[in-house]
Amino acid sequence: MSTENEGNAVPPAPSVPPVPAASPTTRPQGPEPEGSAPLPPVPQESPAAPAAATAPGQDPYQHQHPSGQDPYRHQPGPAGPAPDGSWPPPPPVTPAYGDGGPGAGWGASYQQPAPKPRGGRGGLVAAVLVAALVAGGLGGGLGYTLAKDRDDRGSTTVSASDGATQVKRAPGTIANVASRALPSTVTIEAESGNGEGGTGTGFVFDTQGHIVTNNHVVADAVDGGRLTATFPNGRKYNAEIVGHAQGYDVAVIKLKNAPSDLKPLALGDSDKVAVGDETIAIGAPFGLSNTVTTGIISAKNRPVASSDGSSSSKASYMSALQTDASINPGNSGGPLLDASGAVIGINSAIQSTGSGGFGSGQSGSIGLGFAIPINQAKYVAQQLIKTGKPVYARIGASVSLEDSSDGAKITDQGTGGAAAVESGGPAAKAGLKPGDVIVKLDDHVIDSGPTLIGEIWTHKPGDKVAVTYKRGGQEHTVDLTLGSRDGDS
């Protein structure tokens, strides 16, 4: 049996997997600042201001789908072990993706909110904003008129048009990096055959039109659904799924009739990332496309087990980059950049609290975001483009997925009565036995089954790793050559 652990329930990941955030449905109200001037009363003959309509549904990863939540997906649902023992095992009842599939899971769930009615809250907010702008415009216009009368009698001010040149953003600044990266990011809308779906993000991978994103972002469109990708300049393209890896939470789509001027984002080296490095995240949080946020790398090799929260959900595992850049539902699948503008990760999940004060089941960022390291995502994407199927590294042993801090214990028996250590598999050849507790993989500490799986999946089949395990109170270290498995099933 492999580390996929068929039939075993997935316990909460050691680091407490993040949950998909929910779309806000109410706008927090607070007292008006003291001394603020009230808006002038509306004349009785004037048409009354439109009343706010029902708040929009939850924003549709998650995994960061569209019926109202996004892990960046939206469609939360109770998670639980799969009764049929299918692989991978269902994730524990933990937070869902940050951006794209139905349900909750690490990061933002992936469920896009239902279209807002014309008279809904969005319309009301717009009306309020317009009113504020108009009021400001009247006041500003009056002030300008009075000032101009005085300036004409001898002004010493100089306007920008009198000689100032257009502001240029210096290389290396956030504004400069964002201006170069935004044209190569897209907002992805996935819709299933029954009309459900969500919004996520992706970025240009090559000049042939391949776009990399999260599996949970496109999950709704896998079976006969519809996909579109929209660039910041408004160009919108239909797209098709080339391949998707549920276990890695990575997917590749391809634009139909792709333009010839695509500019792939440069890929960095996630192995060289250091805690404290600056980060820039690009995405469509809660449907707000082309949003740029910043932060730092807060931690590396963070074990994350995520799912979309649905009853049929299977777990995704990653040894993630942790960042405090603001990531919300809709950011799923978007690039996490370093200070030079190179992609170092794919934003996939968030840790979030409750409803986040939005009055709905989906929460927003609290500064704990997780991204799939780009070195791993690049390998997976290349496999998907080449064969359409993911390839997973494995040790050929079933480990417990129960909550633990002591290590990954090889179970006494595999799923359905099968052997816990596959005969002739990598673990058997290395001398591992049921009951052994794996505590290290190379120099990475292993504190649980999910952590072990996430670390194994950062490697490729055929890689040789050093496995440290405990047996009878004694530690032993052996070399093990990882095997492989094709596909998610």
Protein backbone atom coordinates (compact mmCIF):
# COMPACT_ATOMS: atom_id res chain seq x y z
CA MET A 1 0.00 0.00 0.00
CA SER A 2 1.16 3.52 -0.58
CA THR A 3 1.22 6.54 1.68
CA GLU A 4 -2.14 7.48 0.23
CA ASN A 5 -3.69 5.39 3.03
CA GLU A 6 -6.90 4.28 1.44
CA GLY A 7 -9.82 4.21 3.78
CA ASN A 8 -8.11 5.96 6.66
CA ALA A 9 -9.72 9.12 7.96
CA VAL A 10 -7.52 12.16 7.72
CA PRO A 11 -6.93 13.84 11.10
CA PRO A 12 -6.30 17.53 11.38
CA ALA A 13 -2.85 18.39 10.09
CA PRO A 14 -0.27 19.17 12.80
CA SER A 15 -0.21 22.79 11.80
CA VAL A 16 -4.00 22.97 11.83
CA PRO A 17 -5.03 23.12 8.18
CA PRO A 18 -6.52 26.39 7.05
CA VAL A 19 -10.16 26.87 6.12
CA PRO A 20 -11.68 28.38 3.03
CA ALA A 21 -12.82 31.85 3.67
CA ALA A 22 -16.39 32.84 3.13
CA SER A 23 -17.71 35.67 1.12
CA PRO A 24 -18.89 38.61 3.15
CA THR A 25 -22.63 39.05 3.11
CA THR A 26 -22.95 42.01 5.39
CA ARG A 27 -21.06 45.19 5.66
CA PRO A 28 -19.85 46.02 9.19
CA GLN A 29 -21.35 49.21 10.47
CA GLY A 30 -19.76 51.62 12.88
CA PRO A 31 -20.58 55.00 14.33
CA GLU A 32 -19.92 57.96 12.10
CA PRO A 33 -16.84 59.96 13.05
CA GLU A 34 -17.63 62.76 15.43
CA GLY A 35 -18.13 66.01 13.70
CA SER A 36 -18.83 64.52 10.29
CA ALA A 37 -21.27 66.48 8.23
CA PRO A 38 -24.52 64.68 7.34
CA LEU A 39 -25.53 64.48 3.70
CA PRO A 40 -28.16 67.02 2.70
CA PRO A 41 -31.75 65.74 2.89
CA VAL A 42 -33.29 64.41 -0.27
CA PRO A 43 -36.11 66.61 -1.60
CA GLN A 44 -39.50 64.95 -1.21
CA GLU A 45 -40.11 65.09 -4.93
CA SER A 46 -36.82 63.28 -5.64
CA PRO A 47 -37.04 59.54 -6.24
CA ALA A 48 -36.21 57.57 -3.14
CA ALA A 49 -32.86 55.83 -2.94
CA PRO A 50 -33.13 52.17 -3.90
CA ALA A 51 -33.32 49.80 -1.02
CA ALA A 52 -30.60 47.24 -0.61
CA ALA A 53 -31.50 43.87 -2.00
CA THR A 54 -30.65 40.56 -0.56
CA ALA A 55 -26.94 40.22 0.09
CA PRO A 56 -25.08 38.24 -2.52
CA GLY A 57 -24.44 34.59 -1.91
CA GLN A 58 -21.25 33.19 -0.67
CA ASP A 59 -18.31 33.67 -2.91
CA PRO A 60 -17.34 30.55 -4.68
CA TYR A 61 -9.66 25.99 -3.51
CA GLN A 62 -11.07 26.34 -3.16
CA HIS A 63 -8.73 25.42 -3.53
CA GLN A 64 -8.22 28.33 -2.87
CA HIS A 65 -16.08 26.20 -6.30
CA PRO A 66 -18.69 28.78 -7.23
CA SER A 67 -21.99 28.37 -5.47
CA GLY A 68 -20.96 30.76 -2.81
CA GLN A 69 -17.49 29.87 -1.61
CA ASP A 70 -14.05 29.76 -2.96
CA PRO A 71 -10.77 27.74 -0.92
CA TYR A 72 -10.74 29.38 -3.04
CA ARG A 73 -13.87 27.74 -4.06
CA HIS A 74 -17.22 27.75 -2.51
CA GLN A 75 -19.57 25.03 -1.36
CA PRO A 76 -18.76 24.04 2.15
CA GLY A 77 -19.88 20.68 3.34
CA PRO A 78 -19.04 18.27 6.12
CA ALA A 79 -15.88 16.30 5.55
CA GLY A 80 -15.54 12.70 6.58
CA PRO A 81 -13.80 9.44 5.78
CA ALA A 82 -14.78 7.80 2.55
CA PRO A 83 -16.75 4.66 3.34
CA ASP A 84 -15.50 2.85 0.25
CA GLY A 85 -11.80 3.27 1.14
CA SER A 86 -11.03 5.28 -1.97
CA TRP A 87 -7.66 7.03 -2.26
CA PRO A 88 -6.58 9.53 -1.16
CA PRO A 89 -8.40 9.32 2.17
CA PRO A 90 -10.88 12.09 2.91
CA PRO A 91 -9.41 14.99 4.86
CA PRO A 92 -10.26 15.58 8.49
CA VAL A 93 -12.94 18.05 9.33
CA THR A 94 -10.54 20.89 8.88
CA PRO A 95 -10.57 24.20 7.11
CA ALA A 96 -10.90 24.06 3.35
CA TYR A 97 -9.04 25.52 0.44
CA GLY A 98 -8.45 29.16 0.07
CA ASP A 99 -9.84 29.42 -3.39
CA GLY A 100 -11.85 27.25 -5.90
CA GLY A 101 -13.72 24.05 -5.15
CA PRO A 102 -16.87 23.49 -3.30
CA GLY A 103 -16.56 23.42 0.39
CA ALA A 104 -14.14 24.48 3.00
CA GLY A 105 -10.55 23.45 3.33
CA TRP A 106 -7.12 24.89 3.59
CA GLY A 107 -7.28 28.27 2.07
CA ALA A 108 -10.27 29.81 0.49
CA SER A 109 -13.07 27.57 -0.65
CA TYR A 110 -13.86 27.60 -4.28
CA GLN A 111 -17.41 28.71 -4.75
CA GLN A 112 -18.33 31.81 -6.52
CA PRO A 113 -21.16 33.85 -5.15
CA ALA A 114 -24.41 33.86 -7.05
CA PRO A 115 -24.83 36.79 -9.41
CA LYS A 116 -25.81 39.90 -7.50
CA PRO A 117 -29.29 41.19 -8.28
CA ARG A 118 -29.31 44.65 -9.76
CA GLY A 119 -30.88 46.05 -6.64
CA GLY A 120 -28.69 44.09 -4.24
CA ARG A 121 -26.12 45.19 -1.71
CA GLY A 122 -23.57 45.77 -4.43
CA GLY A 123 -25.90 48.30 -6.00
CA LEU A 124 -26.50 50.01 -2.70
CA VAL A 125 -22.79 50.26 -1.97
CA ALA A 126 -22.21 51.69 -5.41
CA ALA A 127 -24.92 54.27 -4.83
CA VAL A 128 -23.36 55.29 -1.55
CA LEU A 129 -19.94 55.61 -3.16
CA VAL A 130 -21.31 57.68 -5.99
CA ALA A 131 -23.12 59.94 -3.54
CA ALA A 132 -19.90 60.46 -1.60
CA LEU A 133 -17.96 61.20 -4.77
CA VAL A 134 -20.57 63.64 -6.01
CA ALA A 135 -20.64 65.41 -2.66
CA GLY A 136 -16.86 65.58 -2.68
CA GLY A 137 -16.93 66.87 -6.24
CA LEU A 138 -19.34 69.68 -5.39
CA GLY A 139 -17.30 70.73 -2.42
CA GLY A 140 -14.06 70.47 -4.36
CA GLY A 141 -15.48 72.42 -7.28
CA LEU A 142 -16.65 75.23 -5.05
CA GLY A 143 -13.31 75.35 -3.26
CA TYR A 144 -11.45 75.41 -6.57
CA THR A 145 -13.59 78.28 -7.87
CA LEU A 146 -12.97 80.39 -4.79
CA ALA A 147 -9.25 79.61 -4.80
CA LYS A 148 -8.95 80.34 -8.52
CA ASP A 149 -10.38 83.81 -8.00
CA ARG A 150 -7.60 84.47 -5.52
CA ASP A 151 -4.85 82.68 -7.53
CA ASP A 152 -5.62 84.80 -10.57
CA ARG A 153 -4.55 87.77 -8.52
CA GLY A 154 -1.05 86.33 -7.98
CA SER A 155 -0.53 82.59 -7.45
CA THR A 156 2.85 81.09 -6.60
CA THR A 157 1.79 77.45 -7.05
CA VAL A 158 2.92 75.24 -9.93
CA SER A 159 0.70 72.48 -11.33
CA ALA A 160 2.04 69.08 -12.37
CA SER A 161 1.30 69.88 -16.00
CA ASP A 162 3.73 72.80 -15.85
CA GLY A 163 6.79 70.59 -16.20
CA ALA A 164 6.51 67.49 -14.01
CA THR A 165 7.13 64.26 -15.90
CA GLN A 166 5.14 61.04 -15.58
CA VAL A 167 6.01 59.13 -12.43
CA LYS A 168 8.19 56.07 -13.12
CA ARG A 169 8.33 53.13 -10.76
CA ALA A 170 11.87 52.07 -9.99
CA PRO A 171 12.85 48.46 -10.75
CA GLY A 172 12.38 46.27 -7.70
CA THR A 173 9.54 48.30 -6.20
CA ILE A 174 6.23 46.59 -5.55
CA ALA A 175 4.51 48.82 -8.10
CA ASN A 176 7.07 47.90 -10.76
CA VAL A 177 6.83 44.17 -10.02
CA ALA A 178 3.04 44.30 -10.05
CA SER A 179 2.92 46.19 -13.35
CA ARG A 180 5.05 43.49 -14.98
CA ALA A 181 3.23 40.51 -13.48
CA LEU A 182 -0.42 41.56 -13.73
CA PRO A 183 -0.65 41.25 -17.54
CA SER A 184 0.26 37.56 -17.18
CA THR A 185 -2.36 36.67 -14.55
CA VAL A 186 -5.96 35.69 -15.26
CA THR A 187 -9.21 35.46 -13.37
CA ILE A 188 -10.70 32.00 -13.91
CA GLU A 189 -14.41 31.27 -13.82
CA ALA A 190 -15.40 27.61 -13.62
CA GLU A 191 -18.96 26.44 -14.08
CA SER A 192 -20.37 22.93 -13.85
CA GLY A 193 -23.08 21.51 -16.08
CA ASN A 194 -25.77 22.49 -13.57
CA GLY A 195 -24.60 26.09 -13.43
CA GLU A 196 -22.68 25.95 -10.15
CA GLY A 197 -19.12 27.18 -9.97
CA GLY A 198 -16.69 29.72 -8.63
CA THR A 199 -13.87 32.13 -9.28
CA GLY A 200 -10.13 31.65 -8.88
CA THR A 201 -6.87 32.82 -10.37
CA GLY A 202 -4.14 31.46 -12.64
CA PHE A 203 -1.00 32.62 -14.41
CA VAL A 204 0.59 32.16 -17.84
CA PHE A 205 2.96 29.18 -17.82
CA ASP A 206 4.16 29.18 -21.42
CA THR A 207 3.61 30.85 -24.78
CA GLN A 208 1.37 28.00 -25.99
CA GLY A 209 -1.48 29.20 -23.79
CA HIS A 210 -1.11 26.92 -20.76
CA ILE A 211 -2.32 28.45 -17.50
CA VAL A 212 -1.39 27.00 -14.09
CA THR A 213 -3.89 27.12 -11.23
CA ASN A 214 -5.29 25.00 -8.38
CA ASN A 215 -7.22 21.79 -8.94
CA HIS A 216 -10.01 23.02 -6.68
CA VAL A 217 -10.41 26.14 -8.83
CA VAL A 218 -11.37 24.13 -11.93
CA ALA A 219 -12.96 21.09 -10.25
CA ASP A 220 -16.52 22.19 -11.13
CA ALA A 221 -15.70 22.20 -14.82
CA VAL A 222 -13.99 18.80 -14.96
CA ASP A 223 -17.00 16.87 -16.23
CA GLY A 224 -18.56 18.80 -19.06
CA GLY A 225 -18.36 22.19 -17.42
CA ARG A 226 -17.29 25.56 -18.77
CA LEU A 227 -14.08 27.52 -18.17
CA THR A 228 -13.14 31.08 -19.02
CA ALA A 229 -9.98 33.09 -18.32
CA THR A 230 -9.99 36.88 -18.28
CA PHE A 231 -6.86 39.04 -18.48
CA PRO A 232 -6.55 42.41 -16.72
CA ASN A 233 -6.97 44.22 -20.05
CA GLY A 234 -10.42 42.67 -20.43
CA ARG A 235 -9.55 39.99 -22.99
CA LYS A 236 -11.58 36.89 -22.22
CA TYR A 237 -10.94 33.37 -23.54
CA ASN A 238 -12.67 30.04 -23.29
CA ALA A 239 -10.39 27.35 -21.90
CA GLU A 240 -10.17 23.60 -21.46
CA ILE A 241 -8.63 21.42 -18.76
CA VAL A 242 -5.39 19.77 -19.86
CA GLY A 243 -4.86 17.85 -16.64
CA HIS A 244 -5.51 18.10 -12.91
CA ALA A 245 -3.89 16.57 -9.83
CA GLN A 246 -6.24 16.42 -6.87
CA GLY A 247 -3.57 15.18 -4.45
CA TYR A 248 -1.19 18.03 -5.29
CA ASP A 249 -4.04 20.54 -5.85
CA VAL A 250 -2.50 21.64 -9.13
CA ALA A 251 -4.22 21.94 -12.52
CA VAL A 252 -3.31 23.13 -16.00
CA ILE A 253 -5.81 24.65 -18.40
CA LYS A 254 -5.23 25.87 -21.96
CA LEU A 255 -6.69 28.92 -23.63
CA LYS A 256 -8.62 28.29 -26.83
CA ASN A 257 -7.36 30.48 -29.66
CA ALA A 258 -4.58 31.74 -27.41
CA PRO A 259 -3.04 35.08 -28.42
CA SER A 260 0.51 35.18 -29.75
CA ASP A 261 1.70 37.82 -27.30
CA LEU A 262 1.52 35.80 -24.10
CA LYS A 263 4.32 36.48 -21.62
CA PRO A 264 4.91 33.61 -19.16
CA LEU A 265 5.84 34.62 -15.64
CA ALA A 266 9.42 33.80 -14.65
CA LEU A 267 9.65 30.89 -12.22
CA GLY A 268 11.88 31.22 -9.17
CA ASP A 269 13.52 28.57 -6.95
CA SER A 270 11.34 27.83 -3.92
CA ASP A 271 14.16 25.80 -2.33
CA LYS A 272 16.16 29.00 -1.93
CA VAL A 273 13.37 31.00 -0.31
CA ALA A 274 14.15 32.19 3.23
CA VAL A 275 11.89 33.16 6.10
CA GLY A 276 11.53 36.92 6.02
CA ASP A 277 11.75 37.25 2.22
CA GLU A 278 9.24 39.69 0.79
CA THR A 279 6.22 38.27 -1.05
CA ILE A 280 3.65 39.67 -3.46
CA ALA A 281 0.35 37.84 -4.05
CA ILE A 282 -1.93 38.45 -7.03
CA GLY A 283 -5.49 37.20 -7.31
CA ALA A 284 -9.22 37.88 -7.31
CA PRO A 285 -10.23 37.86 -3.61
CA PHE A 286 -14.01 37.65 -3.34
CA GLY A 287 -14.18 38.29 -7.08
CA LEU A 288 -12.10 41.49 -6.99
CA SER A 289 -9.83 40.71 -9.93
CA ASN A 290 -6.24 41.90 -10.27
CA THR A 291 -5.74 42.54 -6.58
CA VAL A 292 -2.16 42.85 -5.32
CA THR A 293 -1.17 42.28 -1.68
CA THR A 294 2.21 42.03 0.02
CA GLY A 295 3.86 40.33 2.97
CA ILE A 296 6.76 38.06 3.82
CA ILE A 297 7.55 34.37 3.98
CA SER A 298 6.47 33.51 7.53
CA ALA A 299 7.58 29.87 7.51
CA LYS A 300 8.68 27.05 5.21
CA ASN A 301 7.82 23.36 4.98
CA ARG A 302 4.51 23.89 6.72
CA PRO A 303 2.52 20.63 6.62
CA VAL A 304 -0.91 21.33 5.17
CA ALA A 305 -3.73 18.87 4.58
CA SER A 306 -6.61 20.50 2.75
CA SER A 307 -9.93 19.67 1.18
CA ASP A 308 -12.98 21.44 -0.15
CA GLY A 309 -15.07 20.21 2.78
CA SER A 310 -17.58 18.21 0.76
CA SER A 311 -18.58 14.69 1.80
CA SER A 312 -16.93 13.23 -1.29
CA SER A 313 -13.76 15.30 -0.90
CA LYS A 314 -10.32 13.73 -0.98
CA ALA A 315 -7.36 15.26 0.76
CA SER A 316 -4.59 17.30 -0.81
CA TYR A 317 -1.21 17.46 0.91
CA MET A 318 1.57 19.99 0.67
CA SER A 319 4.73 21.06 2.44
CA ALA A 320 3.77 24.69 2.03
CA LEU A 321 5.30 28.13 2.04
CA GLN A 322 3.52 30.20 4.67
CA THR A 323 2.97 33.90 4.03
CA ASP A 324 1.19 36.76 5.76
CA ALA A 325 0.31 38.44 2.45
CA SER A 326 -3.47 38.87 2.44
CA ILE A 327 -5.02 35.86 0.69
CA ASN A 328 -8.77 35.30 0.48
CA PRO A 329 -11.30 33.20 -1.44
CA GLY A 330 -10.59 33.89 -5.11
CA ASN A 331 -6.81 34.13 -4.64
CA SER A 332 -6.49 30.38 -5.15
CA GLY A 333 -4.30 29.43 -8.06
CA GLY A 334 -2.69 32.86 -8.24
CA PRO A 335 1.07 33.45 -8.16
CA LEU A 336 3.05 34.21 -5.02
CA LEU A 337 6.00 36.29 -6.20
CA ASP A 338 9.33 37.19 -4.65
CA ALA A 339 10.74 40.72 -4.62
CA SER A 340 12.13 40.31 -8.14
CA GLY A 341 8.78 39.23 -9.58
CA ALA A 342 9.59 35.51 -9.97
CA VAL A 343 6.91 32.98 -9.00
CA ILE A 344 7.87 31.06 -5.86
CA GLY A 345 4.51 29.46 -5.11
CA ILE A 346 0.84 28.99 -5.99
CA ASN A 347 -1.55 30.48 -3.42
CA SER A 348 -3.80 27.65 -2.32
CA ALA A 349 -5.14 27.81 1.21
CA ILE A 350 -5.64 29.94 4.28
CA GLN A 351 -6.12 29.39 7.98
CA SER A 352 -9.12 31.36 9.06
CA THR A 353 -11.33 31.85 12.07
CA GLY A 354 -15.09 31.30 12.13
CA SER A 355 -17.10 33.50 9.83
CA GLY A 356 -14.59 36.34 9.95
CA GLY A 357 -17.33 38.71 11.05
CA PHE A 358 -18.91 38.73 7.62
CA GLY A 359 -22.08 37.01 8.79
CA SER A 360 -21.58 33.99 6.54
CA GLY A 361 -19.85 30.64 6.65
CA GLN A 362 -16.84 31.75 4.66
CA SER A 363 -13.97 33.61 6.23
CA GLY A 364 -11.24 35.96 5.18
CA SER A 365 -7.51 36.32 5.74
CA ILE A 366 -6.00 36.53 9.20
CA GLY A 367 -2.46 36.56 7.87
CA LEU A 368 -1.94 32.80 7.57
CA GLY A 369 -1.78 31.87 3.90
CA PHE A 370 -0.22 28.80 2.31
CA ALA A 371 1.28 28.31 -1.13
CA ILE A 372 2.45 25.23 -3.03
CA PRO A 373 6.22 25.62 -3.61
CA ILE A 374 6.80 26.37 -7.30
CA ASN A 375 9.50 23.71 -7.68
CA GLN A 376 6.90 21.06 -6.93
CA ALA A 377 4.13 22.77 -8.91
CA LYS A 378 6.39 23.15 -11.96
CA TYR A 379 7.14 19.42 -12.03
CA VAL A 380 3.46 18.55 -11.64
CA ALA A 381 2.40 21.01 -14.35
CA GLN A 382 4.95 19.61 -16.79
CA GLN A 383 3.66 16.07 -16.17
CA LEU A 384 0.06 17.20 -16.72
CA ILE A 385 0.95 18.92 -20.00
CA LYS A 386 2.91 15.89 -21.14
CA THR A 387 0.52 13.05 -20.17
CA GLY A 388 -2.61 14.66 -18.72
CA LYS A 389 -2.11 12.70 -15.47
CA PRO A 390 -0.18 13.38 -12.28
CA VAL A 391 2.62 11.14 -11.04
CA TYR A 392 3.09 10.67 -7.30
CA ALA A 393 6.13 9.47 -5.36
CA ARG A 394 5.37 6.74 -2.78
CA ILE A 395 7.06 4.52 -0.19
CA GLY A 396 4.65 1.59 -0.45
CA ALA A 397 3.45 1.61 3.16
CA SER A 398 0.23 2.64 4.89
CA VAL A 399 0.68 5.15 7.72
CA SER A 400 -1.75 6.36 10.34
CA LEU A 401 -3.40 9.70 9.67
CA GLU A 402 -4.52 10.21 13.24
CA ASP A 403 -3.55 13.39 15.04
CA SER A 404 -0.06 12.90 16.39
CA SER A 405 3.15 14.68 17.23
CA ASP A 406 5.37 11.62 17.63
CA GLY A 407 5.80 10.69 13.96
CA ALA A 408 4.14 8.72 11.17
CA LYS A 409 3.32 5.22 12.38
CA ILE A 410 3.10 2.39 9.85
CA THR A 411 -0.25 0.73 10.52
CA ASP A 412 -0.63 -2.93 11.46
CA GLN A 413 -2.90 -3.56 8.52
CA GLY A 414 -3.66 -1.86 5.24
CA THR A 415 -7.04 -1.00 3.76
CA GLY A 416 -9.39 -3.88 3.13
CA GLY A 417 -7.15 -6.36 4.90
CA ALA A 418 -4.18 -5.71 2.61
CA ALA A 419 -0.64 -5.71 3.99
CA ALA A 420 0.42 -2.42 5.58
CA VAL A 421 3.84 -2.74 3.94
CA GLU A 422 3.56 -3.60 0.26
CA SER A 423 5.47 -6.73 -0.63
CA GLY A 424 8.47 -5.87 -2.79
CA GLY A 425 7.74 -2.14 -2.43
CA PRO A 426 10.23 0.59 -1.45
CA ALA A 427 9.47 0.36 2.29
CA ALA A 428 9.75 -3.44 2.32
CA LYS A 429 13.07 -3.32 0.48
CA ALA A 430 14.35 -0.83 3.07
CA GLY A 431 13.36 -3.18 5.91
CA LEU A 432 10.45 -1.16 7.32
CA LYS A 433 7.75 -3.06 9.19
CA PRO A 434 4.27 -2.46 10.65
CA GLY A 435 4.56 -0.57 13.93
CA ASP A 436 7.67 1.36 12.90
CA VAL A 437 7.35 5.12 13.50
CA ILE A 438 8.98 7.34 10.87
CA VAL A 439 10.36 10.49 12.53
CA LYS A 440 12.52 11.98 9.77
CA LEU A 441 12.71 12.10 6.00
CA ASP A 442 16.19 13.33 5.11
CA ASP A 443 16.62 16.30 7.48
CA HIS A 444 12.90 17.11 7.77
CA VAL A 445 11.20 16.22 11.05
CA ILE A 446 8.08 14.07 10.57
CA ASP A 447 5.45 14.50 13.27
CA SER A 448 2.45 12.82 11.62
CA GLY A 449 1.19 10.83 8.65
CA PRO A 450 0.00 13.89 6.69
CA THR A 451 3.39 15.55 7.21
CA LEU A 452 5.15 12.47 5.81
CA ILE A 453 2.91 12.38 2.73
CA GLY A 454 3.44 16.09 2.07
CA GLU A 455 7.21 15.67 2.30
CA ILE A 456 7.26 12.58 0.08
CA TRP A 457 5.29 14.46 -2.57
CA THR A 458 7.93 17.17 -2.75
CA HIS A 459 10.14 14.48 -4.32
CA LYS A 460 10.01 12.68 -7.63
CA PRO A 461 9.70 8.93 -8.19
CA GLY A 462 13.19 7.40 -8.20
CA ASP A 463 14.60 9.89 -5.69
CA LYS A 464 16.65 8.33 -2.88
CA VAL A 465 15.76 9.56 0.61
CA ALA A 466 17.05 8.80 4.11
CA VAL A 467 14.30 7.51 6.39
CA THR A 468 14.79 7.64 10.16
CA TYR A 469 12.38 5.50 12.18
CA LYS A 470 11.90 4.18 15.69
CA ARG A 471 11.44 0.50 16.53
CA GLY A 472 11.42 -0.81 20.06
CA GLY A 473 12.65 2.51 21.42
CA GLN A 474 15.70 2.55 19.14
CA GLU A 475 16.28 4.86 16.17
CA HIS A 476 17.43 3.51 12.82
CA THR A 477 18.16 5.20 9.50
CA VAL A 478 17.91 3.54 6.10
CA ASP A 479 18.07 4.69 2.50
CA LEU A 480 14.90 4.24 0.47
CA THR A 481 14.25 4.74 -3.25
CA LEU A 482 10.79 6.18 -3.85
CA GLY A 483 8.37 4.36 -6.10
CA SER A 484 5.64 5.91 -8.27
CA ARG A 485 1.93 5.88 -8.91
CA ASP A 486 0.13 7.41 -11.88
CA GLY A 487 -3.17 9.23 -11.54
CA ASP A 488 -5.35 10.18 -8.59
CA SER A 489 -7.43 7.01 -8.34
